[in-house]
Structures are given as structure tokens and as C-alpha cells.
Amino acid sequence: MTITNNFDSILLNRRSVREYDPNVKIPRDEMLEMIQKATRAPSSLNLQPWRFVVVDSEKGKAALRPLVRWNTIQNDTSAAMVLIFGDLKCYEYGEEIYAKAVSEGKMTEEEKNQQLADIIPDYKSFPKEKMKKVVKLDSCMAAMQFMLVARSHGYDSNPIAGFDHGPLAESVGLDKDRYAPVLMLAVGKALKPGEETVRLDAEKITTFK
């Protein structure tokens, strides 16, 4: 349920929260709603390579705990840990995605076939490391969007990159050769407010030409 649509409030009041009220749970239908909104993020050729695993059970969190390193308090207290992976074979969904665009009148069948004929072979030709860069960039945009969406629903979050990447996919039943770990997001209701931080002035980090 959306709490606020005030963009400045969502953006400027977002904080990285590390400790949550363990008694607050997020209904799974609301979690799916937030993920659906987050997937409005842009992606290369609209191939949407992000994949989400929501760990919200005690059993799931206990299994995840050894992999989160020094971020155990987020794992232990959050309503959920949202694991974001990049699908290195996201192009396999190209036909489904583009067919949906045709059915909704967003492109013609001919345009779909022409674009997929170029896109699919090109993506299949990418070396694995190049493909990882593509899917991780896209997935990070969805992750940022999820954090803002969560804030609009009245929840807080914390992006976590400090975890054991190697075994993560297999620990949640995914093929480690296909799904590249990108980020963990702790999400829930803050027990303690996130710390106030500072940013460099725009003038210092911007050049006009």
C-alpha cells in the first residue's frame, strides 16, 4: 500500500537502515507489488535481466546468515532480504517480452521479428564477463528503483554488496553459471533511523561543456 507519492519526500528521506523492527512483516502480495513497480526501471533492449529472490522466512534467513558477513543485523531484523541476480541468459525471455509488446499494440509483429533477429544472436555472442556487466548495470537500476518504491510504501532499506558472492546463487537453488549475484537489499520498518549523511555539491562533481 502506497504511503506517499511525494517524490522529494521519498528521495530526500531515504536512508540506509541497518536495524529493523523484527515484528514487522511485509505481506507477499505487497512485496510483489513493489517488485512489479521496481521493474519499470530501464534495461538494455528491454530484456529485463533482473531476478529477485525474497528471503522472508526464518529458515531462509538462517541459511543466508553465514553469507552476509558483517551484515547479520540486517539479515536478522529485516522483514526480508531481497536478493537481486542478473540473468546471463535473459535473452531467452526476448520472445515472451516482445510478443507481449505486440499484443499490447506497442510494436508490430514484423518489428518484433526484425529486432529479435538482431538482438538474440548479438547477446548470445557476448563473452561472459561482458554479459555480466550488462546485466549487473540493468539490475542495479532496478535495485535503486525498488528502494524508492519501498520508501513510498513506508518501508526502509539497506543495499548490501558485502556478502559471499560465490555460493549465493546455489544457496537459493539457482544455477551459479547463469545467475550473477548483484546486490542484497534488506527491507523492513526501521527500528533506529538511518544515519544522516552528506553529499558533495553538484558544482564540484559536474562539468559543463
C-alpha atoms as a PDB file:
ATOM      1  CA  MET A   1       0.000   0.000   0.000  1.00  0.00           C
ATOM      2  CA  THR A   2       1.447   3.346  -1.035  1.00  0.00           C
ATOM      3  CA  ILE A   3       2.003   5.702   1.897  1.00  0.00           C
ATOM      4  CA  THR A   4       3.275   8.731  -0.008  1.00  0.00           C
ATOM      5  CA  ASN A   5       3.607   9.876  -3.600  1.00  0.00           C
ATOM      6  CA  ASN A   6       5.665  12.949  -2.683  1.00  0.00           C
ATOM      7  CA  PHE A   7       8.803  12.396  -4.721  1.00  0.00           C
ATOM      8  CA  ASP A   8      11.011  14.787  -2.765  1.00  0.00           C
ATOM      9  CA  SER A   9       9.990  13.106   0.484  1.00  0.00           C
ATOM     10  CA  ILE A  10      10.736   9.657  -0.949  1.00  0.00           C
ATOM     11  CA  LEU A  11      14.076  10.685  -2.426  1.00  0.00           C
ATOM     12  CA  LEU A  12      15.463  13.001   0.231  1.00  0.00           C
ATOM     13  CA  ASN A  13      14.323  10.992   3.261  1.00  0.00           C
ATOM     14  CA  ARG A  14      15.664   7.655   2.089  1.00  0.00           C
ATOM     15  CA  ARG A  15      18.361   6.368   4.431  1.00  0.00           C
ATOM     16  CA  SER A  16      20.378   3.176   4.647  1.00  0.00           C
ATOM     17  CA  VAL A  17      18.826   1.490   7.673  1.00  0.00           C
ATOM     18  CA  ARG A  18      20.704  -1.313   9.400  1.00  0.00           C
ATOM     19  CA  GLU A  19      18.335  -2.303  12.206  1.00  0.00           C
ATOM     20  CA  TYR A  20      14.650  -3.073  11.748  1.00  0.00           C
ATOM     21  CA  ASP A  21      11.612  -3.896  13.827  1.00  0.00           C
ATOM     22  CA  PRO A  22      11.649  -7.711  13.727  1.00  0.00           C
ATOM     23  CA  ASN A  23       7.918  -7.820  14.420  1.00  0.00           C
ATOM     24  CA  VAL A  24       7.034  -6.093  11.139  1.00  0.00           C
ATOM     25  CA  LYS A  25       6.474  -8.359   8.163  1.00  0.00           C
ATOM     26  CA  ILE A  26       5.715  -7.385   4.581  1.00  0.00           C
ATOM     27  CA  PRO A  27       2.821  -9.306   3.013  1.00  0.00           C
ATOM     28  CA  ARG A  28       3.984 -11.216  -0.027  1.00  0.00           C
ATOM     29  CA  ASP A  29       1.379  -9.637  -2.279  1.00  0.00           C
ATOM     30  CA  GLU A  30       2.719  -6.209  -1.287  1.00  0.00           C
ATOM     31  CA  MET A  31       6.284  -7.379  -1.907  1.00  0.00           C
ATOM     32  CA  LEU A  32       5.261  -8.494  -5.401  1.00  0.00           C
ATOM     33  CA  GLU A  33       3.589  -5.129  -5.964  1.00  0.00           C
ATOM     34  CA  MET A  34       6.807  -3.312  -5.008  1.00  0.00           C
ATOM     35  CA  ILE A  35       8.905  -5.563  -7.250  1.00  0.00           C
ATOM     36  CA  GLN A  36       6.484  -5.018 -10.122  1.00  0.00           C
ATOM     37  CA  LYS A  37       6.890  -1.259  -9.731  1.00  0.00           C
ATOM     38  CA  ALA A  38      10.673  -1.598  -9.489  1.00  0.00           C
ATOM     39  CA  THR A  39      10.760  -3.402 -12.822  1.00  0.00           C
ATOM     40  CA  ARG A  40       9.647  -0.218 -14.537  1.00  0.00           C
ATOM     41  CA  ALA A  41      13.365   0.604 -14.445  1.00  0.00           C
ATOM     42  CA  PRO A  42      15.033   0.767 -17.862  1.00  0.00           C
ATOM     43  CA  SER A  43      17.061  -2.117 -19.214  1.00  0.00           C
ATOM     44  CA  SER A  44      19.152  -2.688 -22.317  1.00  0.00           C
ATOM     45  CA  LEU A  45      16.812  -3.562 -25.198  1.00  0.00           C
ATOM     46  CA  ASN A  46      14.094  -4.125 -22.581  1.00  0.00           C
ATOM     47  CA  LEU A  47      15.417  -7.616 -21.812  1.00  0.00           C
ATOM     48  CA  GLN A  48      14.842  -7.108 -18.075  1.00  0.00           C
ATOM     49  CA  PRO A  49      17.685  -9.312 -16.752  1.00  0.00           C
ATOM     50  CA  TRP A  50      16.918  -8.735 -13.070  1.00  0.00           C
ATOM     51  CA  ARG A  51      15.792 -11.723 -11.000  1.00  0.00           C
ATOM     52  CA  PHE A  52      14.570 -11.414  -7.403  1.00  0.00           C
ATOM     53  CA  VAL A  53      14.744 -13.918  -4.577  1.00  0.00           C
ATOM     54  CA  VAL A  54      12.873 -12.774  -1.462  1.00  0.00           C
ATOM     55  CA  VAL A  55      14.132 -14.385   1.733  1.00  0.00           C
ATOM     56  CA  ASP A  56      11.472 -13.696   4.366  1.00  0.00           C
ATOM     57  CA  SER A  57      11.237 -16.945   6.352  1.00  0.00           C
ATOM     58  CA  GLU A  58      13.195 -17.814   9.477  1.00  0.00           C
ATOM     59  CA  LYS A  59      14.595 -20.896   7.755  1.00  0.00           C
ATOM     60  CA  GLY A  60      15.647 -18.917   4.710  1.00  0.00           C
ATOM     61  CA  LYS A  61      17.319 -16.211   6.777  1.00  0.00           C
ATOM     62  CA  ALA A  62      19.159 -18.774   8.887  1.00  0.00           C
ATOM     63  CA  ALA A  63      20.587 -20.295   5.704  1.00  0.00           C
ATOM     64  CA  LEU A  64      21.540 -16.868   4.394  1.00  0.00           C
ATOM     65  CA  ARG A  65      23.171 -15.690   7.602  1.00  0.00           C
ATOM     66  CA  PRO A  66      26.646 -17.244   7.034  1.00  0.00           C
ATOM     67  CA  LEU A  67      26.894 -15.477   3.680  1.00  0.00           C
ATOM     68  CA  VAL A  68      26.100 -11.910   4.760  1.00  0.00           C
ATOM     69  CA  ARG A  69      29.399 -11.408   6.601  1.00  0.00           C
ATOM     70  CA  TRP A  70      29.212  -8.315   8.837  1.00  0.00           C
ATOM     71  CA  ASN A  71      25.623  -7.526   7.835  1.00  0.00           C
ATOM     72  CA  THR A  72      23.943 -10.029  10.129  1.00  0.00           C
ATOM     73  CA  ILE A  73      21.845  -7.440  11.980  1.00  0.00           C
ATOM     74  CA  GLN A  74      20.081  -6.513   8.732  1.00  0.00           C
ATOM     75  CA  ASN A  75      19.501 -10.161   7.937  1.00  0.00           C
ATOM     76  CA  ASP A  76      18.235 -10.954  11.434  1.00  0.00           C
ATOM     77  CA  THR A  77      15.882  -7.995  11.911  1.00  0.00           C
ATOM     78  CA  SER A  78      14.596  -7.046   8.449  1.00  0.00           C
ATOM     79  CA  ALA A  79      11.205  -8.113   7.161  1.00  0.00           C
ATOM     80  CA  ALA A  80      13.006  -9.617   4.179  1.00  0.00           C
ATOM     81  CA  MET A  81      16.293  -9.830   2.381  1.00  0.00           C
ATOM     82  CA  VAL A  82      15.749  -9.230  -1.311  1.00  0.00           C
ATOM     83  CA  LEU A  83      18.497 -10.869  -3.367  1.00  0.00           C
ATOM     84  CA  ILE A  84      18.975  -9.483  -6.850  1.00  0.00           C
ATOM     85  CA  PHE A  85      20.649 -11.524  -9.562  1.00  0.00           C
ATOM     86  CA  GLY A  86      21.420 -10.783 -13.194  1.00  0.00           C
ATOM     87  CA  ASP A  87      20.286 -13.462 -15.646  1.00  0.00           C
ATOM     88  CA  LEU A  88      23.105 -14.117 -18.109  1.00  0.00           C
ATOM     89  CA  LYS A  89      20.612 -15.767 -20.453  1.00  0.00           C
ATOM     90  CA  CYS A  90      17.969 -13.055 -20.212  1.00  0.00           C
ATOM     91  CA  TYR A  91      17.693 -13.112 -23.996  1.00  0.00           C
ATOM     92  CA  GLU A  92      15.730 -16.361 -23.639  1.00  0.00           C
ATOM     93  CA  TYR A  93      12.825 -14.175 -22.487  1.00  0.00           C
ATOM     94  CA  GLY A  94      13.109 -11.953 -25.555  1.00  0.00           C
ATOM     95  CA  GLU A  95      10.324 -13.679 -27.469  1.00  0.00           C
ATOM     96  CA  GLU A  96       7.934 -13.514 -24.494  1.00  0.00           C
ATOM     97  CA  ILE A  97       8.709  -9.854 -23.767  1.00  0.00           C
ATOM     98  CA  TYR A  98       8.420  -8.698 -27.356  1.00  0.00           C
ATOM     99  CA  ALA A  99       5.315 -10.822 -28.021  1.00  0.00           C
ATOM    100  CA  LYS A 100       3.668  -9.081 -25.070  1.00  0.00           C
ATOM    101  CA  ALA A 101       4.596  -5.731 -26.613  1.00  0.00           C
ATOM    102  CA  VAL A 102       2.899  -6.837 -29.842  1.00  0.00           C
ATOM    103  CA  SER A 103      -0.232  -7.989 -28.003  1.00  0.00           C
ATOM    104  CA  GLU A 104      -0.463  -4.606 -26.267  1.00  0.00           C
ATOM    105  CA  GLY A 105      -0.052  -2.692 -29.522  1.00  0.00           C
ATOM    106  CA  LYS A 106       3.390  -1.314 -28.689  1.00  0.00           C
ATOM    107  CA  MET A 107       5.045  -2.800 -31.790  1.00  0.00           C
ATOM    108  CA  THR A 108       4.102  -4.815 -34.844  1.00  0.00           C
ATOM    109  CA  GLU A 109       4.850  -8.495 -35.374  1.00  0.00           C
ATOM    110  CA  GLU A 110       7.240  -7.522 -38.151  1.00  0.00           C
ATOM    111  CA  GLU A 111       9.107  -5.099 -35.869  1.00  0.00           C
ATOM    112  CA  LYS A 112       9.314  -7.776 -33.184  1.00  0.00           C
ATOM    113  CA  ASN A 113      10.789 -10.337 -35.551  1.00  0.00           C
ATOM    114  CA  GLN A 114      13.270  -7.875 -37.029  1.00  0.00           C
ATOM    115  CA  GLN A 115      14.507  -6.689 -33.652  1.00  0.00           C
ATOM    116  CA  LEU A 116      14.819 -10.144 -32.143  1.00  0.00           C
ATOM    117  CA  ALA A 117      16.710 -11.356 -35.208  1.00  0.00           C
ATOM    118  CA  ASP A 118      19.369  -8.762 -34.401  1.00  0.00           C
ATOM    119  CA  ILE A 119      19.257  -8.846 -30.601  1.00  0.00           C
ATOM    120  CA  ILE A 120      19.335 -12.558 -29.791  1.00  0.00           C
ATOM    121  CA  PRO A 121      22.424 -13.556 -31.830  1.00  0.00           C
ATOM    122  CA  ASP A 122      24.235 -10.446 -30.626  1.00  0.00           C
ATOM    123  CA  TYR A 123      23.571 -11.212 -26.957  1.00  0.00           C
ATOM    124  CA  LYS A 124      24.484 -14.866 -27.411  1.00  0.00           C
ATOM    125  CA  SER A 125      27.848 -13.794 -28.804  1.00  0.00           C
ATOM    126  CA  PHE A 126      28.825 -11.767 -25.735  1.00  0.00           C
ATOM    127  CA  PRO A 127      31.716 -13.127 -23.650  1.00  0.00           C
ATOM    128  CA  LYS A 128      30.585 -13.996 -20.145  1.00  0.00           C
ATOM    129  CA  GLU A 129      32.311 -11.031 -18.487  1.00  0.00           C
ATOM    130  CA  LYS A 130      30.724  -8.575 -20.913  1.00  0.00           C
ATOM    131  CA  MET A 131      27.332 -10.125 -20.305  1.00  0.00           C
ATOM    132  CA  LYS A 132      27.835  -9.804 -16.546  1.00  0.00           C
ATOM    133  CA  LYS A 133      28.480  -6.089 -16.919  1.00  0.00           C
ATOM    134  CA  VAL A 134      25.310  -5.619 -18.953  1.00  0.00           C
ATOM    135  CA  VAL A 135      23.000  -7.489 -16.591  1.00  0.00           C
ATOM    136  CA  LYS A 136      24.538  -6.027 -13.444  1.00  0.00           C
ATOM    137  CA  LEU A 137      24.147  -2.452 -14.677  1.00  0.00           C
ATOM    138  CA  ASP A 138      20.490  -3.034 -15.532  1.00  0.00           C
ATOM    139  CA  SER A 139      19.831  -4.888 -12.277  1.00  0.00           C
ATOM    140  CA  CYS A 140      21.350  -2.078 -10.208  1.00  0.00           C
ATOM    141  CA  MET A 141      18.859   0.352 -11.731  1.00  0.00           C
ATOM    142  CA  ALA A 142      16.012  -1.942 -10.695  1.00  0.00           C
ATOM    143  CA  ALA A 143      17.537  -2.207  -7.210  1.00  0.00           C
ATOM    144  CA  MET A 144      17.630   1.571  -6.772  1.00  0.00           C
ATOM    145  CA  GLN A 145      14.075   1.830  -8.015  1.00  0.00           C
ATOM    146  CA  PHE A 146      12.998  -0.861  -5.535  1.00  0.00           C
ATOM    147  CA  MET A 147      14.473   1.114  -2.639  1.00  0.00           C
ATOM    148  CA  LEU A 148      12.499   4.204  -3.639  1.00  0.00           C
ATOM    149  CA  VAL A 149       9.330   2.180  -4.130  1.00  0.00           C
ATOM    150  CA  ALA A 150       9.795   0.581  -0.698  1.00  0.00           C
ATOM    151  CA  ARG A 151      10.112   4.067   0.784  1.00  0.00           C
ATOM    152  CA  SER A 152       6.844   5.090  -0.861  1.00  0.00           C
ATOM    153  CA  HIS A 153       5.223   2.082   0.855  1.00  0.00           C
ATOM    154  CA  GLY A 154       6.533   3.229   4.232  1.00  0.00           C
ATOM    155  CA  TYR A 155       9.472   0.821   4.462  1.00  0.00           C
ATOM    156  CA  ASP A 156      13.208   1.389   4.742  1.00  0.00           C
ATOM    157  CA  SER A 157      16.069  -0.455   3.117  1.00  0.00           C
ATOM    158  CA  ASN A 158      19.794  -1.034   3.028  1.00  0.00           C
ATOM    159  CA  PRO A 159      21.764  -2.032  -0.083  1.00  0.00           C
ATOM    160  CA  ILE A 160      24.403  -4.627   0.723  1.00  0.00           C
ATOM    161  CA  ALA A 161      27.322  -5.583  -1.511  1.00  0.00           C
ATOM    162  CA  GLY A 162      29.439  -7.085   1.280  1.00  0.00           C
ATOM    163  CA  PHE A 163      28.373 -10.723   1.081  1.00  0.00           C
ATOM    164  CA  ASP A 164      29.846 -14.001  -0.108  1.00  0.00           C
ATOM    165  CA  HIS A 165      29.057 -13.868  -3.812  1.00  0.00           C
ATOM    166  CA  GLY A 166      30.447 -17.297  -4.743  1.00  0.00           C
ATOM    167  CA  PRO A 167      27.888 -19.652  -3.174  1.00  0.00           C
ATOM    168  CA  LEU A 168      24.897 -17.286  -3.088  1.00  0.00           C
ATOM    169  CA  ALA A 169      23.073 -18.491  -6.201  1.00  0.00           C
ATOM    170  CA  GLU A 170      23.343 -22.159  -5.297  1.00  0.00           C
ATOM    171  CA  SER A 171      22.288 -21.423  -1.705  1.00  0.00           C
ATOM    172  CA  VAL A 172      18.871 -20.338  -3.004  1.00  0.00           C
ATOM    173  CA  GLY A 173      18.578 -23.018  -5.667  1.00  0.00           C
ATOM    174  CA  LEU A 174      19.782 -21.060  -8.700  1.00  0.00           C
ATOM    175  CA  ASP A 175      22.312 -22.068 -11.357  1.00  0.00           C
ATOM    176  CA  LYS A 176      25.514 -20.240 -10.436  1.00  0.00           C
ATOM    177  CA  ASP A 177      26.674 -20.256 -14.064  1.00  0.00           C
ATOM    178  CA  ARG A 178      23.537 -18.443 -15.202  1.00  0.00           C
ATOM    179  CA  TYR A 179      22.619 -16.095 -12.361  1.00  0.00           C
ATOM    180  CA  ALA A 180      25.189 -13.491 -11.307  1.00  0.00           C
ATOM    181  CA  PRO A 181      24.725 -12.026  -7.797  1.00  0.00           C
ATOM    182  CA  VAL A 182      24.320  -8.255  -7.960  1.00  0.00           C
ATOM    183  CA  LEU A 183      23.086  -6.910  -4.625  1.00  0.00           C
ATOM    184  CA  MET A 184      21.221  -7.723  -1.443  1.00  0.00           C
ATOM    185  CA  LEU A 185      18.574  -5.346  -0.145  1.00  0.00           C
ATOM    186  CA  ALA A 186      17.439  -5.500   3.465  1.00  0.00           C
ATOM    187  CA  VAL A 187      13.901  -4.115   3.700  1.00  0.00           C
ATOM    188  CA  GLY A 188      11.551  -3.514   6.605  1.00  0.00           C
ATOM    189  CA  LYS A 189      10.425  -0.947   9.146  1.00  0.00           C
ATOM    190  CA  ALA A 190      13.290   0.955  10.757  1.00  0.00           C
ATOM    191  CA  LEU A 191      13.841   0.332  14.449  1.00  0.00           C
ATOM    192  CA  LYS A 192      16.515   3.018  14.522  1.00  0.00           C
ATOM    193  CA  PRO A 193      16.675   5.829  11.932  1.00  0.00           C
ATOM    194  CA  GLY A 194      19.406   5.676   9.352  1.00  0.00           C
ATOM    195  CA  GLU A 195      22.351   7.986   9.786  1.00  0.00           C
ATOM    196  CA  GLU A 196      22.301  11.414   8.172  1.00  0.00           C
ATOM    197  CA  THR A 197      24.989  11.639   5.507  1.00  0.00           C
ATOM    198  CA  VAL A 198      26.420  14.381   3.326  1.00  0.00           C
ATOM    199  CA  ARG A 199      26.941  14.688  -0.413  1.00  0.00           C
ATOM    200  CA  LEU A 200      29.397  16.706  -2.455  1.00  0.00           C
ATOM    201  CA  ASP A 201      27.913  19.786  -4.077  1.00  0.00           C
ATOM    202  CA  ALA A 202      26.736  19.308  -7.648  1.00  0.00           C
ATOM    203  CA  GLU A 203      29.044  22.113  -8.766  1.00  0.00           C
ATOM    204  CA  LYS A 204      32.065  20.145  -7.548  1.00  0.00           C
ATOM    205  CA  ILE A 205      31.288  16.965  -9.444  1.00  0.00           C
ATOM    206  CA  THR A 206      29.780  18.420 -12.645  1.00  0.00           C
ATOM    207  CA  THR A 207      31.454  19.816 -15.746  1.00  0.00           C
ATOM    208  CA  PHE A 208      29.566  21.654 -18.475  1.00  0.00           C
ATOM    209  CA  LYS A 209      30.953  21.765 -21.998  1.00  0.00           C
END
